[in-house]
Amino acid sequence: VRLRPVSSQPKPIASKEAKAKAAAGGGKAKKKKWSKGKLKEKVNNLVLFDKPTYEKLINEVPKYKMITSSILADRLRLNSSLARKGIKLLLEQGSIRPVATHAKQGVYTRSTNQ
């Protein structure tokens, strides 16, 4: 005759619902956390020329070897549409000359006497 060891606490009797929930639940898996992704730094570009930027455009830009709207937007902290207007202005003055023009991007260089 075998005797069962007596535990100090009686085993709690679970209801049918509790048993079903435990069986269906399985292991507690952590919910996947999505990364926020890489956020681009917000640039605060000018939308209108101020005096120092305009003077820089007139004096320094014609000395650049390669001039595009992207380069002007980056170096002078301009909006791209403002950079295109600046390029148009320099073209009218004859300070720069086109190398290649395209609907999306124009490439210009300093005007040399040729």
Protein backbone atom coordinates (compact mmCIF):
# COMPACT_ATOMS: atom_id res chain seq x y z
CA VAL A 1 0.00 0.00 0.00
CA ARG A 2 1.44 3.31 -1.07
CA LEU A 3 0.68 6.48 0.74
CA ARG A 4 0.45 9.76 -1.04
CA PRO A 5 2.50 12.59 0.46
CA VAL A 6 0.22 15.17 1.96
CA SER A 7 0.93 18.74 0.80
CA SER A 8 0.41 21.67 3.07
CA GLN A 9 -2.02 23.37 0.67
CA PRO A 10 -4.81 21.71 -1.25
CA LYS A 11 -4.60 22.11 -5.05
CA PRO A 12 -7.03 24.84 -6.25
CA ILE A 13 -9.83 23.48 -8.39
CA ALA A 14 -9.97 25.37 -11.72
CA SER A 15 -13.19 25.98 -13.59
CA LYS A 16 -13.76 24.68 -17.13
CA GLU A 17 -13.31 28.18 -18.55
CA ALA A 18 -9.99 28.66 -16.74
CA LYS A 19 -8.73 25.29 -18.00
CA ALA A 20 -9.78 26.08 -21.59
CA LYS A 21 -8.12 29.50 -21.43
CA ALA A 22 -4.88 28.01 -20.14
CA ALA A 23 -4.87 25.35 -22.87
CA ALA A 24 -5.62 27.81 -25.69
CA GLY A 25 -3.26 30.53 -24.47
CA GLY A 26 -0.03 28.62 -24.76
CA GLY A 27 3.13 30.54 -23.89
CA LYS A 28 2.90 34.25 -23.30
CA ALA A 29 4.63 35.68 -26.40
CA LYS A 30 5.63 39.33 -26.37
CA LYS A 31 4.02 41.50 -29.01
CA LYS A 32 6.44 42.61 -31.75
CA LYS A 33 7.52 46.20 -31.31
CA TRP A 34 7.98 48.04 -34.61
CA SER A 35 10.92 50.37 -34.87
CA LYS A 36 10.20 54.02 -35.56
CA GLY A 37 12.49 53.92 -38.61
CA LYS A 38 15.15 56.47 -39.41
CA LEU A 39 13.76 59.99 -39.24
CA LYS A 40 15.19 62.57 -41.62
CA GLU A 41 16.33 65.77 -39.99
CA LYS A 42 14.01 68.68 -40.79
CA VAL A 43 15.77 71.41 -42.75
CA ASN A 44 14.64 74.98 -42.33
CA ASN A 45 15.30 76.46 -45.78
CA LEU A 46 14.53 80.00 -46.88
CA VAL A 47 11.55 80.62 -49.16
CA LEU A 48 12.44 84.25 -49.88
CA PHE A 49 15.85 85.85 -50.40
CA ASP A 50 17.18 87.88 -47.50
CA LYS A 51 19.91 90.46 -48.14
CA PRO A 52 23.00 88.40 -47.12
CA THR A 53 21.83 85.31 -49.04
CA TYR A 54 21.03 87.34 -52.16
CA GLU A 55 24.48 88.99 -52.06
CA LYS A 56 26.09 85.57 -51.63
CA LEU A 57 24.14 84.32 -54.67
CA ILE A 58 25.30 87.26 -56.81
CA ASN A 59 28.94 87.28 -55.63
CA GLU A 60 29.95 83.69 -54.76
CA VAL A 61 27.76 81.35 -56.83
CA PRO A 62 29.17 82.44 -60.24
CA LYS A 63 32.60 81.27 -58.95
CA TYR A 64 31.38 77.69 -58.31
CA LYS A 65 32.67 75.15 -60.82
CA MET A 66 29.36 73.26 -60.93
CA ILE A 67 26.00 74.88 -60.21
CA THR A 68 22.70 73.03 -59.82
CA SER A 69 19.52 73.84 -57.92
CA SER A 70 20.39 71.04 -55.46
CA ILE A 71 23.83 72.54 -54.74
CA LEU A 72 22.34 76.01 -54.18
CA ALA A 73 19.61 74.61 -51.93
CA ASP A 74 22.24 72.79 -49.87
CA ARG A 75 24.92 75.49 -49.60
CA LEU A 76 22.72 78.59 -49.30
CA ARG A 77 19.92 76.88 -47.32
CA LEU A 78 17.33 77.76 -49.96
CA ASN A 79 14.08 76.19 -51.00
CA SER A 80 14.57 74.35 -54.36
CA SER A 81 12.14 76.61 -56.20
CA LEU A 82 14.02 79.65 -54.91
CA ALA A 83 17.31 78.08 -56.05
CA ARG A 84 15.87 77.64 -59.56
CA LYS A 85 14.81 81.31 -59.61
CA GLY A 86 18.32 82.30 -58.52
CA ILE A 87 19.84 80.25 -61.34
CA LYS A 88 17.46 81.89 -63.84
CA LEU A 89 18.52 85.31 -62.53
CA LEU A 90 22.24 84.48 -62.90
CA LEU A 91 21.62 83.17 -66.43
CA GLU A 92 19.95 86.45 -67.42
CA GLN A 93 22.93 88.38 -66.03
CA GLY A 94 25.31 86.15 -67.99
CA SER A 95 27.28 85.15 -64.85
CA ILE A 96 26.77 81.43 -65.51
CA ARG A 97 26.27 79.27 -68.59
CA PRO A 98 24.36 76.00 -69.08
CA VAL A 99 26.26 72.74 -69.48
CA ALA A 100 23.26 70.41 -69.66
CA THR A 101 19.60 71.27 -69.27
CA HIS A 102 16.89 68.78 -68.52
CA ALA A 103 13.26 69.06 -67.42
CA LYS A 104 14.15 67.96 -63.89
CA GLN A 105 17.71 69.14 -63.29
CA GLY A 106 19.87 71.77 -64.96
CA VAL A 107 23.65 71.74 -64.71
CA TYR A 108 25.45 75.06 -65.05
CA THR A 109 29.01 76.31 -64.71
CA ARG A 110 30.75 79.64 -64.29
CA SER A 111 30.81 81.82 -67.35
CA THR A 112 34.30 82.07 -68.82
CA ASN A 113 35.26 84.20 -71.78
CA GLN A 114 35.19 81.86 -74.75
